[in-house]
Amino acid sequence: MKAKFTLEYWTDEGWYVGRLREVPGAFSQGKTLQELEENVRDAYQLLMKEQPNIRRRIKCKPIAIAV
């Protein structure tokens, strides 16, 4: 079975850095966008192995921030 997630990414000093929007804690980096995608998949799999119920425990709360 495959689940779909949103990869949010940016560049920082020549590295692609990203996270899965729907899975707090699933962060990674790579020298290329393809490497980032592979690494964030690995990060997700490790996170699910270590903390399989993390998505059920995550809570969200809106906050206000002055801009």
PDB file of N, CA and C in Angstrom:
ATOM      1  N   MET A   1       0.835  -1.179   0.000  1.00  0.00           N
ATOM      2  CA  MET A   1       0.000   0.000   0.000  1.00  0.00           C
ATOM      3  C   MET A   1       0.885   1.250   0.000  1.00  0.00           C
ATOM      4  N   LYS A   2       0.482   2.257  -0.739  1.00  0.00           N
ATOM      5  CA  LYS A   2       1.229   3.507  -0.771  1.00  0.00           C
ATOM      6  C   LYS A   2       0.340   4.636  -0.276  1.00  0.00           C
ATOM      7  N   ALA A   3       0.902   5.476   0.575  1.00  0.00           N
ATOM      8  CA  ALA A   3       0.222   6.677   1.043  1.00  0.00           C
ATOM      9  C   ALA A   3       0.867   7.872   0.353  1.00  0.00           C
ATOM     10  N   LYS A   4       0.110   8.922   0.160  1.00  0.00           N
ATOM     11  CA  LYS A   4       0.642  10.127  -0.473  1.00  0.00           C
ATOM     12  C   LYS A   4       0.787  11.224   0.565  1.00  0.00           C
ATOM     13  N   PHE A   5       1.927  11.914   0.512  1.00  0.00           N
ATOM     14  CA  PHE A   5       2.232  12.997   1.426  1.00  0.00           C
ATOM     15  C   PHE A   5       2.717  14.192   0.622  1.00  0.00           C
ATOM     16  N   THR A   6       2.800  15.328   1.272  1.00  0.00           N
ATOM     17  CA  THR A   6       3.292  16.546   0.642  1.00  0.00           C
ATOM     18  C   THR A   6       4.713  16.810   1.110  1.00  0.00           C
ATOM     19  N   LEU A   7       5.655  16.843   0.169  1.00  0.00           N
ATOM     20  CA  LEU A   7       7.042  17.173   0.489  1.00  0.00           C
ATOM     21  C   LEU A   7       7.204  18.682   0.367  1.00  0.00           C
ATOM     22  N   GLU A   8       7.460  19.342   1.481  1.00  0.00           N
ATOM     23  CA  GLU A   8       7.795  20.764   1.468  1.00  0.00           C
ATOM     24  C   GLU A   8       9.314  20.847   1.485  1.00  0.00           C
ATOM     25  N   TYR A   9       9.897  21.616   0.570  1.00  0.00           N
ATOM     26  CA  TYR A   9      11.358  21.690   0.531  1.00  0.00           C
ATOM     27  C   TYR A   9      11.832  23.075   0.141  1.00  0.00           C
ATOM     28  N   TRP A  10      13.095  23.318   0.465  1.00  0.00           N
ATOM     29  CA  TRP A  10      13.759  24.579   0.169  1.00  0.00           C
ATOM     30  C   TRP A  10      15.240  24.282   0.019  1.00  0.00           C
ATOM     31  N   THR A  11      15.996  25.261  -0.437  1.00  0.00           N
ATOM     32  CA  THR A  11      17.442  25.081  -0.536  1.00  0.00           C
ATOM     33  C   THR A  11      18.123  25.917   0.541  1.00  0.00           C
ATOM     34  N   ASP A  12      19.205  25.376   1.060  1.00  0.00           N
ATOM     35  CA  ASP A  12      19.964  26.050   2.106  1.00  0.00           C
ATOM     36  C   ASP A  12      21.433  25.718   1.913  1.00  0.00           C
ATOM     37  N   GLU A  13      22.202  26.709   1.509  1.00  0.00           N
ATOM     38  CA  GLU A  13      23.645  26.551   1.287  1.00  0.00           C
ATOM     39  C   GLU A  13      23.966  25.357   0.383  1.00  0.00           C
ATOM     40  N   GLY A  14      23.217  25.242  -0.711  1.00  0.00           N
ATOM     41  CA  GLY A  14      23.486  24.204  -1.693  1.00  0.00           C
ATOM     42  C   GLY A  14      22.816  22.862  -1.420  1.00  0.00           C
ATOM     43  N   TRP A  15      22.104  22.738  -0.330  1.00  0.00           N
ATOM     44  CA  TRP A  15      21.402  21.502   0.013  1.00  0.00           C
ATOM     45  C   TRP A  15      19.898  21.678  -0.169  1.00  0.00           C
ATOM     46  N   TYR A  16      19.241  20.603  -0.581  1.00  0.00           N
ATOM     47  CA  TYR A  16      17.782  20.564  -0.562  1.00  0.00           C
ATOM     48  C   TYR A  16      17.387  20.035   0.809  1.00  0.00           C
ATOM     49  N   VAL A  17      16.543  20.777   1.493  1.00  0.00           N
ATOM     50  CA  VAL A  17      16.089  20.414   2.832  1.00  0.00           C
ATOM     51  C   VAL A  17      14.575  20.312   2.769  1.00  0.00           C
ATOM     52  N   GLY A  18      14.014  19.294   3.408  1.00  0.00           N
ATOM     53  CA  GLY A  18      12.571  19.164   3.319  1.00  0.00           C
ATOM     54  C   GLY A  18      11.959  18.343   4.430  1.00  0.00           C
ATOM     55  N   ARG A  19      10.632  18.367   4.426  1.00  0.00           N
ATOM     56  CA  ARG A  19       9.864  17.626   5.413  1.00  0.00           C
ATOM     57  C   ARG A  19       8.550  17.185   4.791  1.00  0.00           C
ATOM     58  N   LEU A  20       7.957  16.174   5.389  1.00  0.00           N
ATOM     59  CA  LEU A  20       6.620  15.770   4.994  1.00  0.00           C
ATOM     60  C   LEU A  20       5.626  16.581   5.812  1.00  0.00           C
ATOM     61  N   ARG A  21       4.814  17.367   5.149  1.00  0.00           N
ATOM     62  CA  ARG A  21       3.881  18.269   5.834  1.00  0.00           C
ATOM     63  C   ARG A  21       2.976  17.507   6.800  1.00  0.00           C
ATOM     64  N   GLU A  22       2.507  16.352   6.416  1.00  0.00           N
ATOM     65  CA  GLU A  22       1.540  15.613   7.215  1.00  0.00           C
ATOM     66  C   GLU A  22       2.161  14.769   8.325  1.00  0.00           C
ATOM     67  N   VAL A  23       3.485  14.691   8.368  1.00  0.00           N
ATOM     68  CA  VAL A  23       4.153  13.825   9.349  1.00  0.00           C
ATOM     69  C   VAL A  23       5.234  14.612  10.091  1.00  0.00           C
ATOM     70  N   PRO A  24       4.878  15.252  11.202  1.00  0.00           N
ATOM     71  CA  PRO A  24       5.889  15.978  11.973  1.00  0.00           C
ATOM     72  C   PRO A  24       7.041  15.046  12.359  1.00  0.00           C
ATOM     73  N   GLY A  25       8.246  15.512  12.174  1.00  0.00           N
ATOM     74  CA  GLY A  25       9.413  14.703  12.513  1.00  0.00           C
ATOM     75  C   GLY A  25      10.051  14.027  11.317  1.00  0.00           C
ATOM     76  N   ALA A  26       9.375  14.029  10.168  1.00  0.00           N
ATOM     77  CA  ALA A  26       9.941  13.400   8.966  1.00  0.00           C
ATOM     78  C   ALA A  26      10.658  14.482   8.151  1.00  0.00           C
ATOM     79  N   PHE A  27      11.893  14.759   8.530  1.00  0.00           N
ATOM     80  CA  PHE A  27      12.750  15.760   7.888  1.00  0.00           C
ATOM     81  C   PHE A  27      13.957  15.062   7.273  1.00  0.00           C
ATOM     82  N   SER A  28      14.538  15.673   6.242  1.00  0.00           N
ATOM     83  CA  SER A  28      15.796  15.165   5.710  1.00  0.00           C
ATOM     84  C   SER A  28      16.418  16.235   4.813  1.00  0.00           C
ATOM     85  N   GLN A  29      17.514  15.856   4.157  1.00  0.00           N
ATOM     86  CA  GLN A  29      18.201  16.738   3.225  1.00  0.00           C
ATOM     87  C   GLN A  29      18.894  15.896   2.165  1.00  0.00           C
ATOM     88  N   GLY A  30      19.313  16.546   1.091  1.00  0.00           N
ATOM     89  CA  GLY A  30      20.042  15.863   0.032  1.00  0.00           C
ATOM     90  C   GLY A  30      20.722  16.872  -0.866  1.00  0.00           C
ATOM     91  N   LYS A  31      21.727  16.431  -1.586  1.00  0.00           N
ATOM     92  CA  LYS A  31      22.437  17.312  -2.517  1.00  0.00           C
ATOM     93  C   LYS A  31      21.593  17.601  -3.756  1.00  0.00           C
ATOM     94  N   THR A  32      20.668  16.700  -4.083  1.00  0.00           N
ATOM     95  CA  THR A  32      19.749  16.894  -5.207  1.00  0.00           C
ATOM     96  C   THR A  32      18.327  16.690  -4.699  1.00  0.00           C
ATOM     97  N   LEU A  33      17.362  17.129  -5.488  1.00  0.00           N
ATOM     98  CA  LEU A  33      15.969  16.933  -5.108  1.00  0.00           C
ATOM     99  C   LEU A  33      15.642  15.442  -5.057  1.00  0.00           C
ATOM    100  N   GLN A  34      16.178  14.672  -5.987  1.00  0.00           N
ATOM    101  CA  GLN A  34      15.956  13.218  -5.992  1.00  0.00           C
ATOM    102  C   GLN A  34      16.529  12.583  -4.720  1.00  0.00           C
ATOM    103  N   GLU A  35      17.724  12.997  -4.325  1.00  0.00           N
ATOM    104  CA  GLU A  35      18.333  12.460  -3.104  1.00  0.00           C
ATOM    105  C   GLU A  35      17.504  12.844  -1.874  1.00  0.00           C
ATOM    106  N   LEU A  36      16.991  14.077  -1.853  1.00  0.00           N
ATOM    107  CA  LEU A  36      16.114  14.486  -0.756  1.00  0.00           C
ATOM    108  C   LEU A  36      14.888  13.584  -0.694  1.00  0.00           C
ATOM    109  N   GLU A  37      14.258  13.321  -1.825  1.00  0.00           N
ATOM    110  CA  GLU A  37      13.073  12.463  -1.848  1.00  0.00           C
ATOM    111  C   GLU A  37      13.393  11.070  -1.300  1.00  0.00           C
ATOM    112  N   GLU A  38      14.502  10.500  -1.712  1.00  0.00           N
ATOM    113  CA  GLU A  38      14.904   9.183  -1.212  1.00  0.00           C
ATOM    114  C   GLU A  38      15.153   9.235   0.296  1.00  0.00           C
ATOM    115  N   ASN A  39      15.850  10.269   0.743  1.00  0.00           N
ATOM    116  CA  ASN A  39      16.185  10.385   2.167  1.00  0.00           C
ATOM    117  C   ASN A  39      14.965  10.626   3.044  1.00  0.00           C
ATOM    118  N   VAL A  40      14.007  11.416   2.547  1.00  0.00           N
ATOM    119  CA  VAL A  40      12.815  11.673   3.364  1.00  0.00           C
ATOM    120  C   VAL A  40      11.935  10.420   3.415  1.00  0.00           C
ATOM    121  N   ARG A  41      11.950   9.601   2.365  1.00  0.00           N
ATOM    122  CA  ARG A  41      11.242   8.310   2.419  1.00  0.00           C
ATOM    123  C   ARG A  41      11.870   7.428   3.500  1.00  0.00           C
ATOM    124  N   ASP A  42      13.194   7.389   3.515  1.00  0.00           N
ATOM    125  CA  ASP A  42      13.891   6.601   4.547  1.00  0.00           C
ATOM    126  C   ASP A  42      13.575   7.138   5.944  1.00  0.00           C
ATOM    127  N   ALA A  43      13.573   8.463   6.094  1.00  0.00           N
ATOM    128  CA  ALA A  43      13.272   9.069   7.393  1.00  0.00           C
ATOM    129  C   ALA A  43      11.859   8.690   7.837  1.00  0.00           C
ATOM    130  N   TYR A  44      10.913   8.722   6.913  1.00  0.00           N
ATOM    131  CA  TYR A  44       9.532   8.344   7.229  1.00  0.00           C
ATOM    132  C   TYR A  44       9.461   6.887   7.689  1.00  0.00           C
ATOM    133  N   GLN A  45      10.110   6.007   6.940  1.00  0.00           N
ATOM    134  CA  GLN A  45      10.071   4.581   7.293  1.00  0.00           C
ATOM    135  C   GLN A  45      10.707   4.324   8.655  1.00  0.00           C
ATOM    136  N   LEU A  46      11.816   4.979   8.949  1.00  0.00           N
ATOM    137  CA  LEU A  46      12.443   4.824  10.266  1.00  0.00           C
ATOM    138  C   LEU A  46      11.549   5.373  11.375  1.00  0.00           C
ATOM    139  N   LEU A  47      10.937   6.508  11.130  1.00  0.00           N
ATOM    140  CA  LEU A  47      10.045   7.108  12.114  1.00  0.00           C
ATOM    141  C   LEU A  47       8.862   6.188  12.399  1.00  0.00           C
ATOM    142  N   MET A  48       8.278   5.605  11.363  1.00  0.00           N
ATOM    143  CA  MET A  48       7.134   4.717  11.548  1.00  0.00           C
ATOM    144  C   MET A  48       7.539   3.418  12.254  1.00  0.00           C
ATOM    145  N   LYS A  49       8.760   2.984  12.021  1.00  0.00           N
ATOM    146  CA  LYS A  49       9.253   1.783  12.702  1.00  0.00           C
ATOM    147  C   LYS A  49       9.441   2.044  14.196  1.00  0.00           C
ATOM    148  N   GLU A  50       9.985   3.218  14.519  1.00  0.00           N
ATOM    149  CA  GLU A  50      10.262   3.565  15.912  1.00  0.00           C
ATOM    150  C   GLU A  50       9.015   4.046  16.654  1.00  0.00           C
ATOM    151  N   GLN A  51       8.156   4.770  15.950  1.00  0.00           N
ATOM    152  CA  GLN A  51       6.970   5.358  16.580  1.00  0.00           C
ATOM    153  C   GLN A  51       5.759   5.159  15.661  1.00  0.00           C
ATOM    154  N   PRO A  52       5.265   3.928  15.550  1.00  0.00           N
ATOM    155  CA  PRO A  52       4.218   3.626  14.571  1.00  0.00           C
ATOM    156  C   PRO A  52       2.912   4.392  14.759  1.00  0.00           C
ATOM    157  N   ASN A  53       2.614   4.873  15.935  1.00  0.00           N
ATOM    158  CA  ASN A  53       1.349   5.576  16.165  1.00  0.00           C
ATOM    159  C   ASN A  53       1.511   7.090  16.243  1.00  0.00           C
ATOM    160  N   ILE A  54       2.625   7.611  15.760  1.00  0.00           N
ATOM    161  CA  ILE A  54       2.904   9.044  15.910  1.00  0.00           C
ATOM    162  C   ILE A  54       1.820   9.912  15.274  1.00  0.00           C
ATOM    163  N   ARG A  55       1.269   9.507  14.143  1.00  0.00           N
ATOM    164  CA  ARG A  55       0.270  10.342  13.474  1.00  0.00           C
ATOM    165  C   ARG A  55      -1.008  10.450  14.294  1.00  0.00           C
ATOM    166  N   ARG A  56      -1.309   9.460  15.108  1.00  0.00           N
ATOM    167  CA  ARG A  56      -2.502   9.516  15.948  1.00  0.00           C
ATOM    168  C   ARG A  56      -2.281  10.382  17.185  1.00  0.00           C
ATOM    169  N   ARG A  57      -1.028  10.542  17.608  1.00  0.00           N
ATOM    170  CA  ARG A  57      -0.741  11.306  18.830  1.00  0.00           C
ATOM    171  C   ARG A  57      -0.511  12.781  18.576  1.00  0.00           C
ATOM    172  N   ILE A  58      -0.268  13.159  17.336  1.00  0.00           N
ATOM    173  CA  ILE A  58       0.019  14.546  17.016  1.00  0.00           C
ATOM    174  C   ILE A  58      -1.244  15.387  17.136  1.00  0.00           C
ATOM    175  N   LYS A  59      -1.127  16.499  17.800  1.00  0.00           N
ATOM    176  CA  LYS A  59      -2.240  17.426  17.957  1.00  0.00           C
ATOM    177  C   LYS A  59      -1.866  18.741  17.282  1.00  0.00           C
ATOM    178  N   CYS A  60      -2.869  19.471  16.824  1.00  0.00           N
ATOM    179  CA  CYS A  60      -2.645  20.758  16.175  1.00  0.00           C
ATOM    180  C   CYS A  60      -3.438  21.836  16.905  1.00  0.00           C
ATOM    181  N   LYS A  61      -2.869  23.014  16.926  1.00  0.00           N
ATOM    182  CA  LYS A  61      -3.521  24.156  17.560  1.00  0.00           C
ATOM    183  C   LYS A  61      -3.115  25.406  16.814  1.00  0.00           C
ATOM    184  N   PRO A  62      -4.076  26.185  16.339  1.00  0.00           N
ATOM    185  CA  PRO A  62      -3.704  27.433  15.657  1.00  0.00           C
ATOM    186  C   PRO A  62      -3.147  28.445  16.659  1.00  0.00           C
ATOM    187  N   ILE A  63      -2.170  29.194  16.220  1.00  0.00           N
ATOM    188  CA  ILE A  63      -1.594  30.263  17.052  1.00  0.00           C
ATOM    189  C   ILE A  63      -1.470  31.517  16.190  1.00  0.00           C
ATOM    190  N   ALA A  64      -1.405  32.656  16.830  1.00  0.00           N
ATOM    191  CA  ALA A  64      -1.225  33.926  16.130  1.00  0.00           C
ATOM    192  C   ALA A  64       0.215  34.388  16.293  1.00  0.00           C
ATOM    193  N   ILE A  65       0.772  34.906  15.219  1.00  0.00           N
ATOM    194  CA  ILE A  65       2.145  35.420  15.243  1.00  0.00           C
ATOM    195  C   ILE A  65       2.138  36.771  14.540  1.00  0.00           C
ATOM    196  N   ALA A  66       2.670  37.791  15.188  1.00  0.00           N
ATOM    197  CA  ALA A  66       2.748  39.119  14.566  1.00  0.00           C
ATOM    198  C   ALA A  66       3.746  39.097  13.428  1.00  0.00           C
ATOM    199  N   VAL A  67       3.377  39.702  12.314  1.00  0.00           N
ATOM    200  CA  VAL A  67       4.280  39.753  11.164  1.00  0.00           C
ATOM    201  C   VAL A  67       4.556  41.182  10.761  1.00  0.00           C
TER     202      VAL A  67
END
